[in-house]
């Protein structure tokens, strides 16, 4: 199995450069004001991005197996952050809306895809035991297909 890695280098204050493989551009993260300057996504946004990206890619992969094309996909992830019993900020939930680019009627195997794709999402399945993740899948007409 691959061992994905990233090297973080502090640029200044709360800004960190994220270095991946040499062929991948450097990503800058930062905390929002007043702590940071908001020059890039903060860690909660990066977590939300990882979950949303993984679910989107998993749905795309499952669709491709059946030669369906739900593109263009659009995924919105909203994180809920609040205080725990020790008064520390924690991510308390992630709500994901995955929008298909086509009506469900144009996707011949959409129910099979919906029944399986979530289970193959490495990031979401790893995060979900600690942080509740709710998922809705909507087609291009706004019909809720899952969730």
Protein backbone atom coordinates (compact mmCIF):
# COMPACT_ATOMS: atom_id res chain seq x y z
CA UNK A 1 0.00 0.00 0.00
CA UNK A 2 1.16 3.54 -0.73
CA UNK A 3 2.40 5.70 2.09
CA UNK A 4 1.14 9.16 1.16
CA UNK A 5 3.14 11.94 2.74
CA UNK A 6 3.26 15.67 2.99
CA UNK A 7 5.87 17.99 4.46
CA UNK A 8 4.68 21.18 6.13
CA UNK A 9 7.03 24.14 6.38
CA UNK A 10 6.08 27.22 8.35
CA UNK A 11 6.21 30.33 6.19
CA UNK A 12 5.25 32.77 8.97
CA UNK A 13 2.80 32.84 11.85
CA UNK A 14 0.02 30.38 11.10
CA UNK A 15 0.92 30.02 7.43
CA UNK A 16 2.28 26.65 6.35
CA UNK A 17 3.41 25.42 2.97
CA UNK A 18 2.24 21.89 2.20
CA UNK A 19 4.77 20.09 0.02
CA UNK A 20 3.58 16.94 -1.70
CA UNK A 21 5.26 15.15 -4.61
CA UNK A 22 7.64 17.36 -6.64
CA UNK A 23 5.16 17.53 -9.53
CA UNK A 24 2.35 18.89 -7.30
CA UNK A 25 2.15 22.64 -6.61
CA UNK A 26 2.73 23.77 -3.04
CA UNK A 27 -0.45 24.47 -1.09
CA UNK A 28 -0.53 27.33 1.43
CA UNK A 29 -2.72 27.00 4.52
CA UNK A 30 -3.44 29.70 7.08
CA UNK A 31 -5.78 30.43 9.95
CA UNK A 32 -8.42 33.11 9.46
CA UNK A 33 -8.04 36.50 11.11
CA UNK A 34 -7.47 37.48 13.86
CA UNK A 35 -5.03 34.59 14.44
CA UNK A 36 -3.78 34.34 10.87
CA UNK A 37 -4.27 36.29 7.68
CA UNK A 38 -6.64 33.92 5.86
CA UNK A 39 -4.25 33.49 2.93
CA UNK A 40 -5.28 29.85 2.44
CA UNK A 41 -7.59 27.17 3.74
CA UNK A 42 -7.43 26.42 7.44
CA UNK A 43 -7.10 22.87 8.83
CA UNK A 44 -10.87 22.41 9.22
CA UNK A 45 -11.38 23.44 5.60
CA UNK A 46 -8.64 21.03 4.53
CA UNK A 47 -10.41 18.22 6.40
CA UNK A 48 -13.72 19.15 4.76
CA UNK A 49 -12.00 19.26 1.36
CA UNK A 50 -10.47 15.83 1.87
CA UNK A 51 -13.83 14.27 2.76
CA UNK A 52 -15.64 16.01 -0.10
CA UNK A 53 -12.96 15.15 -2.62
CA UNK A 54 -12.84 11.50 -1.60
CA UNK A 55 -16.62 11.09 -1.81
CA UNK A 56 -16.70 12.85 -5.19
CA UNK A 57 -13.88 10.71 -6.58
CA UNK A 58 -15.46 7.53 -5.20
CA UNK A 59 -18.82 8.34 -6.82
CA UNK A 60 -17.07 9.18 -10.10
CA UNK A 61 -15.10 5.91 -10.01
CA UNK A 62 -18.20 3.83 -9.28
CA UNK A 63 -20.11 5.57 -12.08
CA UNK A 64 -17.30 4.92 -14.54
CA UNK A 65 -17.43 1.20 -13.77
CA UNK A 66 -20.95 1.23 -15.23
CA UNK A 67 -20.04 3.63 -18.04
CA UNK A 68 -22.28 6.31 -16.54
CA UNK A 69 -21.18 9.95 -16.59
CA UNK A 70 -22.69 12.07 -13.79
CA UNK A 71 -20.42 15.05 -14.50
CA UNK A 72 -19.98 17.79 -13.78
CA UNK A 73 -20.01 16.95 -10.07
CA UNK A 74 -20.24 19.71 -7.48
CA UNK A 75 -19.72 18.93 -3.81
CA UNK A 76 -20.39 21.23 -0.87
CA UNK A 77 -19.12 20.36 2.59
CA UNK A 78 -20.15 22.31 5.67
CA UNK A 79 -18.24 21.72 8.88
CA UNK A 80 -19.79 22.31 12.29
CA UNK A 81 -17.23 23.41 14.86
CA UNK A 82 -18.06 23.80 18.54
CA UNK A 83 -16.72 23.40 22.03
CA UNK A 84 -16.37 20.02 23.70
CA UNK A 85 -16.78 19.27 27.42
CA UNK A 86 -13.27 20.65 28.06
CA UNK A 87 -14.17 23.87 26.20
CA UNK A 88 -11.88 23.01 23.27
CA UNK A 89 -12.91 23.65 19.68
CA UNK A 90 -13.62 20.42 17.81
CA UNK A 91 -15.11 19.48 14.46
CA UNK A 92 -18.50 18.13 15.52
CA UNK A 93 -19.83 17.16 12.12
CA UNK A 94 -19.46 17.35 8.37
CA UNK A 95 -22.51 17.74 6.13
CA UNK A 96 -21.86 16.80 2.51
CA UNK A 97 -24.11 17.62 -0.45
CA UNK A 98 -22.91 15.93 -3.62
CA UNK A 99 -24.64 17.33 -6.71
CA UNK A 100 -24.71 15.30 -9.91
CA UNK A 101 -24.46 17.13 -13.21
CA UNK A 102 -27.26 15.13 -14.80
CA UNK A 103 -30.78 13.96 -13.93
CA UNK A 104 -30.90 10.52 -12.32
CA UNK A 105 -33.01 9.27 -15.23
CA UNK A 106 -30.00 9.67 -17.54
CA UNK A 107 -27.80 7.46 -15.33
CA UNK A 108 -28.70 3.83 -15.91
CA UNK A 109 -26.91 2.42 -12.88
CA UNK A 110 -27.26 5.27 -10.39
CA UNK A 111 -28.88 3.12 -7.69
CA UNK A 112 -26.03 0.60 -7.78
CA UNK A 113 -23.54 3.46 -7.55
CA UNK A 114 -25.40 5.04 -4.61
CA UNK A 115 -25.52 1.69 -2.80
CA UNK A 116 -21.76 1.16 -2.92
CA UNK A 117 -19.62 4.25 -3.54
CA UNK A 118 -19.55 5.63 0.01
CA UNK A 119 -18.05 2.44 1.41
CA UNK A 120 -15.02 2.81 -0.89
CA UNK A 121 -14.17 6.36 0.22
CA UNK A 122 -10.96 5.90 2.21
CA UNK A 123 -10.97 9.30 3.90
CA UNK A 124 -14.65 9.45 4.87
CA UNK A 125 -14.67 5.90 6.21
CA UNK A 126 -11.57 6.73 8.27
CA UNK A 127 -12.96 10.01 9.64
CA UNK A 128 -16.59 8.98 10.22
CA UNK A 129 -16.00 6.90 13.37
CA UNK A 130 -14.78 10.07 15.13
CA UNK A 131 -16.73 12.80 13.33
CA UNK A 132 -20.31 12.31 12.15
CA UNK A 133 -20.54 12.69 8.37
CA UNK A 134 -23.96 13.17 6.80
CA UNK A 135 -24.30 12.77 3.05
CA UNK A 136 -26.93 13.78 0.55
CA UNK A 137 -26.67 13.06 -3.16
CA UNK A 138 -28.83 15.21 -5.43
CA UNK A 139 -29.26 15.01 -9.17
CA UNK A 140 -29.24 18.05 -11.47
CA UNK A 141 -32.98 18.57 -10.98
CA UNK A 142 -32.51 18.89 -7.21
CA UNK A 143 -34.07 15.51 -6.45
CA UNK A 144 -32.53 13.91 -3.37
CA UNK A 145 -31.30 10.45 -4.37
CA UNK A 146 -29.57 9.58 -1.09
CA UNK A 147 -29.73 11.09 2.34
